[in-house]
C-alpha cells in the first residue's frame, strides 16, 4: 500500500485520500461511481437519519453556515412516514388502541 511511511503527526493530502478511496472502492468491487465527497455526504445523511442534531453535523463537517448543512435535510426522508401525529395517539386512546375509520 502506497501510504505506508507517512508521518503520523502530518495530515495527508487531499489527493492521497482520493487515491486511498479509489483503491478501496476497486478492492470492494463497487460498481457505481463514488467519490470521497459521496462518502462525506453519506456520513452526514446517516448521522441525520440517526437523530444527530444538525448543529453537530455542521460542526463535524466544518460548515461555517448552517444553510450549507441544511442540504442534507431534504435527502433524509426515510423516517418521515414513521412520524406519528399527536392526533393519532388521541384516536388510539379513544378507540382502545386501534384507529377505526
N, C-alpha and C. Protein backbone atom coordinates (compact mmCIF):
# COMPACT_ATOMS: atom_id res chain seq x y z
N UNK A 1 0.84 -1.17 0.00
CA UNK A 1 0.00 0.00 0.00
C UNK A 1 0.89 1.24 0.00
N UNK A 2 0.55 2.19 -0.83
CA UNK A 2 1.43 3.32 -1.06
C UNK A 2 1.47 4.32 0.08
N UNK A 3 0.53 4.27 1.04
CA UNK A 3 0.52 5.29 2.08
C UNK A 3 1.37 4.93 3.29
N UNK A 4 2.04 3.78 3.27
CA UNK A 4 2.95 3.44 4.36
C UNK A 4 4.11 4.43 4.35
N UNK A 5 4.57 4.75 5.54
CA UNK A 5 5.70 5.66 5.66
C UNK A 5 5.29 7.09 5.88
N UNK A 6 3.99 7.38 5.83
CA UNK A 6 3.53 8.74 6.10
C UNK A 6 3.72 9.01 7.58
N UNK A 7 4.16 10.22 7.89
CA UNK A 7 4.41 10.58 9.28
C UNK A 7 3.07 10.77 9.99
N UNK A 8 2.87 10.08 11.13
CA UNK A 8 1.59 10.15 11.84
C UNK A 8 1.20 11.56 12.29
N UNK A 9 2.19 12.42 12.54
CA UNK A 9 1.88 13.77 13.02
C UNK A 9 1.49 14.73 11.89
N UNK A 10 1.58 14.28 10.66
CA UNK A 10 1.25 15.11 9.50
C UNK A 10 -0.11 14.71 8.93
N UNK A 11 -0.82 15.70 8.41
CA UNK A 11 -2.07 15.42 7.70
C UNK A 11 -1.74 14.88 6.32
N UNK A 12 -2.59 14.01 5.80
CA UNK A 12 -2.37 13.52 4.44
C UNK A 12 -3.06 14.47 3.46
N UNK A 13 -2.59 14.47 2.26
CA UNK A 13 -3.13 15.40 1.26
C UNK A 13 -4.48 14.92 0.75
N UNK A 14 -5.20 15.84 0.16
CA UNK A 14 -6.50 15.53 -0.46
C UNK A 14 -6.32 14.45 -1.51
N UNK A 15 -5.29 14.56 -2.31
CA UNK A 15 -5.04 13.59 -3.38
C UNK A 15 -4.75 12.21 -2.81
N UNK A 16 -4.04 12.13 -1.69
CA UNK A 16 -3.76 10.85 -1.06
C UNK A 16 -5.06 10.21 -0.57
N UNK A 17 -5.93 11.01 0.03
CA UNK A 17 -7.23 10.50 0.47
C UNK A 17 -8.00 9.95 -0.72
N UNK A 18 -8.01 10.70 -1.82
CA UNK A 18 -8.72 10.26 -3.03
C UNK A 18 -8.14 8.95 -3.56
N UNK A 19 -6.82 8.85 -3.58
CA UNK A 19 -6.17 7.64 -4.09
C UNK A 19 -6.50 6.43 -3.20
N UNK A 20 -6.46 6.61 -1.89
CA UNK A 20 -6.79 5.53 -0.96
C UNK A 20 -8.24 5.10 -1.18
N UNK A 21 -9.13 6.08 -1.32
CA UNK A 21 -10.55 5.80 -1.53
C UNK A 21 -10.77 5.05 -2.84
N UNK A 22 -10.08 5.46 -3.89
CA UNK A 22 -10.21 4.79 -5.19
C UNK A 22 -9.75 3.34 -5.09
N UNK A 23 -8.63 3.11 -4.43
CA UNK A 23 -8.13 1.74 -4.25
C UNK A 23 -9.11 0.89 -3.45
N UNK A 24 -9.66 1.47 -2.39
CA UNK A 24 -10.62 0.73 -1.56
C UNK A 24 -11.88 0.42 -2.34
N UNK A 25 -12.34 1.37 -3.16
CA UNK A 25 -13.54 1.16 -3.98
C UNK A 25 -13.33 0.02 -4.98
N UNK A 26 -12.15 0.01 -5.60
CA UNK A 26 -11.83 -1.06 -6.55
C UNK A 26 -11.74 -2.41 -5.84
N UNK A 27 -11.08 -2.44 -4.70
CA UNK A 27 -10.93 -3.67 -3.94
C UNK A 27 -12.28 -4.21 -3.47
N UNK A 28 -13.19 -3.30 -3.12
CA UNK A 28 -14.53 -3.70 -2.67
C UNK A 28 -15.46 -3.99 -3.85
N UNK A 29 -14.96 -3.79 -5.07
CA UNK A 29 -15.73 -4.04 -6.30
C UNK A 29 -17.03 -3.24 -6.34
N UNK A 30 -16.92 -1.97 -5.95
CA UNK A 30 -18.09 -1.08 -6.02
C UNK A 30 -18.27 -0.68 -7.47
N UNK A 31 -19.40 -1.02 -8.03
CA UNK A 31 -19.65 -0.81 -9.45
C UNK A 31 -20.10 0.58 -9.82
N UNK A 32 -20.74 1.27 -8.89
CA UNK A 32 -21.24 2.59 -9.23
C UNK A 32 -20.19 3.67 -8.98
N UNK A 33 -20.42 4.81 -9.57
CA UNK A 33 -19.49 5.94 -9.44
C UNK A 33 -19.58 6.51 -8.03
N UNK A 34 -18.46 6.47 -7.29
CA UNK A 34 -18.41 7.01 -5.94
C UNK A 34 -17.19 7.92 -5.81
N UNK A 35 -17.26 8.78 -4.82
CA UNK A 35 -16.14 9.69 -4.57
C UNK A 35 -16.03 9.92 -3.07
N UNK A 36 -14.96 10.58 -2.67
CA UNK A 36 -14.79 10.92 -1.27
C UNK A 36 -15.95 11.83 -0.85
N UNK A 37 -16.38 12.70 -1.74
CA UNK A 37 -17.49 13.59 -1.42
C UNK A 37 -18.78 12.79 -1.19
N UNK A 38 -19.02 11.74 -1.98
CA UNK A 38 -20.22 10.94 -1.76
C UNK A 38 -20.15 10.21 -0.41
N UNK A 39 -18.95 9.84 0.01
CA UNK A 39 -18.76 9.22 1.32
C UNK A 39 -19.09 10.23 2.42
N UNK A 40 -18.63 11.44 2.26
CA UNK A 40 -18.91 12.53 3.21
C UNK A 40 -20.41 12.81 3.28
N UNK A 41 -21.04 12.83 2.11
CA UNK A 41 -22.47 13.08 2.03
C UNK A 41 -23.25 11.97 2.72
N UNK A 42 -22.85 10.72 2.49
CA UNK A 42 -23.49 9.57 3.13
C UNK A 42 -23.32 9.63 4.65
N UNK A 43 -22.13 9.98 5.09
CA UNK A 43 -21.84 10.11 6.51
C UNK A 43 -22.80 11.10 7.16
N UNK A 44 -22.94 12.27 6.55
CA UNK A 44 -23.82 13.31 7.10
C UNK A 44 -25.28 12.87 7.08
N UNK A 45 -25.70 12.23 6.00
CA UNK A 45 -27.09 11.78 5.88
C UNK A 45 -27.40 10.72 6.92
N UNK A 46 -26.48 9.77 7.13
CA UNK A 46 -26.70 8.72 8.13
C UNK A 46 -26.74 9.30 9.54
N UNK A 47 -25.90 10.29 9.81
CA UNK A 47 -25.95 10.94 11.12
C UNK A 47 -27.31 11.58 11.33
N UNK A 48 -27.79 12.29 10.32
CA UNK A 48 -29.08 12.96 10.42
C UNK A 48 -30.20 11.95 10.62
N UNK A 49 -30.17 10.86 9.85
CA UNK A 49 -31.20 9.82 9.98
C UNK A 49 -31.14 9.10 11.32
N UNK A 50 -29.98 9.15 11.97
CA UNK A 50 -29.82 8.53 13.29
C UNK A 50 -30.25 9.47 14.41
N UNK A 51 -30.66 10.67 14.04
CA UNK A 51 -31.16 11.62 15.04
C UNK A 51 -30.14 12.61 15.55
N UNK A 52 -28.96 12.65 14.95
CA UNK A 52 -27.95 13.62 15.40
C UNK A 52 -28.41 15.02 15.00
N UNK A 53 -28.30 15.94 15.92
CA UNK A 53 -28.71 17.32 15.70
C UNK A 53 -27.91 17.95 14.56
N UNK A 54 -28.59 18.72 13.73
CA UNK A 54 -27.97 19.35 12.57
C UNK A 54 -26.80 20.25 12.95
N UNK A 55 -26.85 20.87 14.12
CA UNK A 55 -25.75 21.74 14.55
C UNK A 55 -24.47 20.95 14.79
N UNK A 56 -24.60 19.71 15.30
CA UNK A 56 -23.42 18.87 15.50
C UNK A 56 -22.86 18.42 14.15
N UNK A 57 -23.74 18.09 13.23
CA UNK A 57 -23.29 17.69 11.89
C UNK A 57 -22.57 18.85 11.22
N UNK A 58 -23.10 20.04 11.39
CA UNK A 58 -22.45 21.24 10.84
C UNK A 58 -21.03 21.37 11.37
N UNK A 59 -20.87 21.16 12.66
CA UNK A 59 -19.54 21.25 13.28
C UNK A 59 -18.61 20.16 12.76
N UNK A 60 -19.11 18.93 12.67
CA UNK A 60 -18.28 17.82 12.18
C UNK A 60 -17.83 18.03 10.74
N UNK A 61 -18.70 18.59 9.91
CA UNK A 61 -18.36 18.80 8.51
C UNK A 61 -17.55 20.08 8.29
N UNK A 62 -17.49 20.93 9.31
CA UNK A 62 -16.72 22.17 9.18
C UNK A 62 -17.43 23.25 8.39
N UNK A 63 -18.75 23.18 8.34
CA UNK A 63 -19.51 24.21 7.63
C UNK A 63 -19.63 25.46 8.50
N UNK A 64 -19.35 26.61 7.91
CA UNK A 64 -19.49 27.87 8.66
C UNK A 64 -20.96 28.25 8.76
N UNK A 65 -21.70 27.99 7.71
CA UNK A 65 -23.11 28.36 7.67
C UNK A 65 -24.00 27.13 7.85
N UNK A 66 -25.04 27.27 8.67
CA UNK A 66 -25.99 26.17 8.84
C UNK A 66 -26.76 25.91 7.54
N UNK A 67 -26.84 26.92 6.69
CA UNK A 67 -27.54 26.76 5.40
C UNK A 67 -26.85 25.70 4.55
N UNK A 68 -25.53 25.62 4.62
CA UNK A 68 -24.79 24.62 3.86
C UNK A 68 -25.13 23.21 4.35
N UNK A 69 -25.25 23.07 5.65
CA UNK A 69 -25.55 21.75 6.24
C UNK A 69 -27.00 21.37 5.98
N UNK A 70 -27.87 22.34 5.84
CA UNK A 70 -29.30 22.06 5.64
C UNK A 70 -29.60 21.32 4.34
N UNK A 71 -28.64 21.25 3.41
CA UNK A 71 -28.89 20.50 2.18
C UNK A 71 -29.16 19.03 2.47
N UNK A 72 -28.67 18.54 3.62
CA UNK A 72 -28.88 17.14 3.97
C UNK A 72 -30.30 16.88 4.47
N UNK A 73 -31.02 17.91 4.85
CA UNK A 73 -32.36 17.69 5.39
C UNK A 73 -33.33 17.25 4.31
N UNK A 74 -33.15 17.68 3.07
CA UNK A 74 -34.07 17.26 2.01
C UNK A 74 -33.80 15.83 1.55
N UNK A 75 -32.61 15.33 1.83
CA UNK A 75 -32.24 13.98 1.43
C UNK A 75 -32.83 12.96 2.40
N UNK A 76 -32.92 13.33 3.64
CA UNK A 76 -33.27 12.38 4.69
C UNK A 76 -34.78 12.34 4.94
N UNK A 77 -35.51 11.63 4.10
CA UNK A 77 -36.95 11.47 4.26
C UNK A 77 -37.32 10.04 4.67
N UNK A 78 -36.31 9.23 4.96
CA UNK A 78 -36.51 7.82 5.26
C UNK A 78 -37.51 7.58 6.39
N UNK A 79 -37.39 8.34 7.45
CA UNK A 79 -38.22 8.10 8.63
C UNK A 79 -39.44 9.01 8.71
N UNK A 80 -39.65 9.84 7.72
CA UNK A 80 -40.75 10.79 7.80
C UNK A 80 -42.11 10.10 7.89
N UNK A 81 -42.24 8.95 7.25
CA UNK A 81 -43.50 8.21 7.31
C UNK A 81 -43.77 7.58 8.66
N UNK A 82 -42.75 7.49 9.49
CA UNK A 82 -42.91 6.89 10.81
C UNK A 82 -43.35 7.90 11.87
N UNK A 83 -43.36 9.17 11.50
CA UNK A 83 -43.73 10.21 12.46
C UNK A 83 -45.22 10.11 12.74
N UNK A 84 -45.55 10.06 14.01
CA UNK A 84 -46.95 9.97 14.40
C UNK A 84 -47.46 11.34 14.81
N UNK A 85 -48.61 11.66 14.35
CA UNK A 85 -49.28 12.89 14.74
C UNK A 85 -49.81 12.73 16.16
N UNK A 86 -49.81 13.79 16.93
CA UNK A 86 -50.44 13.71 18.26
C UNK A 86 -51.91 13.28 18.16
N UNK A 87 -52.56 13.59 17.04
CA UNK A 87 -53.94 13.16 16.84
C UNK A 87 -54.05 11.65 16.73
N UNK A 88 -53.03 11.00 16.13
CA UNK A 88 -53.03 9.54 16.06
C UNK A 88 -53.06 8.93 17.46
N UNK A 89 -52.27 9.49 18.35
CA UNK A 89 -52.24 9.00 19.73
C UNK A 89 -53.59 9.20 20.40
N UNK A 90 -54.22 10.32 20.15
CA UNK A 90 -55.52 10.61 20.73
C UNK A 90 -56.56 9.61 20.25
N UNK A 91 -56.59 9.36 18.94
CA UNK A 91 -57.55 8.41 18.39
C UNK A 91 -57.30 6.99 18.90
N UNK A 92 -56.04 6.63 19.06
CA UNK A 92 -55.72 5.29 19.57
C UNK A 92 -56.25 5.11 20.98
N UNK A 93 -56.10 6.14 21.81
CA UNK A 93 -56.59 6.07 23.19
C UNK A 93 -58.12 5.96 23.22
N UNK A 94 -58.77 6.76 22.38
CA UNK A 94 -60.23 6.76 22.34
C UNK A 94 -60.79 5.44 21.83
N UNK A 95 -60.07 4.80 20.91
CA UNK A 95 -60.53 3.56 20.30
C UNK A 95 -59.95 2.31 20.95
N UNK A 96 -59.31 2.47 22.06
CA UNK A 96 -58.75 1.31 22.75
C UNK A 96 -57.54 0.71 22.07
N UNK A 97 -56.75 1.53 21.40
CA UNK A 97 -55.50 1.05 20.81
C UNK A 97 -55.52 0.95 19.31
N UNK A 98 -56.66 1.00 18.67
CA UNK A 98 -56.71 0.91 17.21
C UNK A 98 -57.45 2.08 16.62
N UNK A 99 -57.05 2.49 15.45
CA UNK A 99 -57.71 3.58 14.75
C UNK A 99 -58.81 2.99 13.89
N UNK A 100 -60.01 3.48 14.10
CA UNK A 100 -61.14 3.00 13.30
C UNK A 100 -61.65 4.13 12.44
N UNK A 101 -62.00 3.82 11.22
CA UNK A 101 -62.39 4.86 10.30
C UNK A 101 -63.81 4.95 10.00
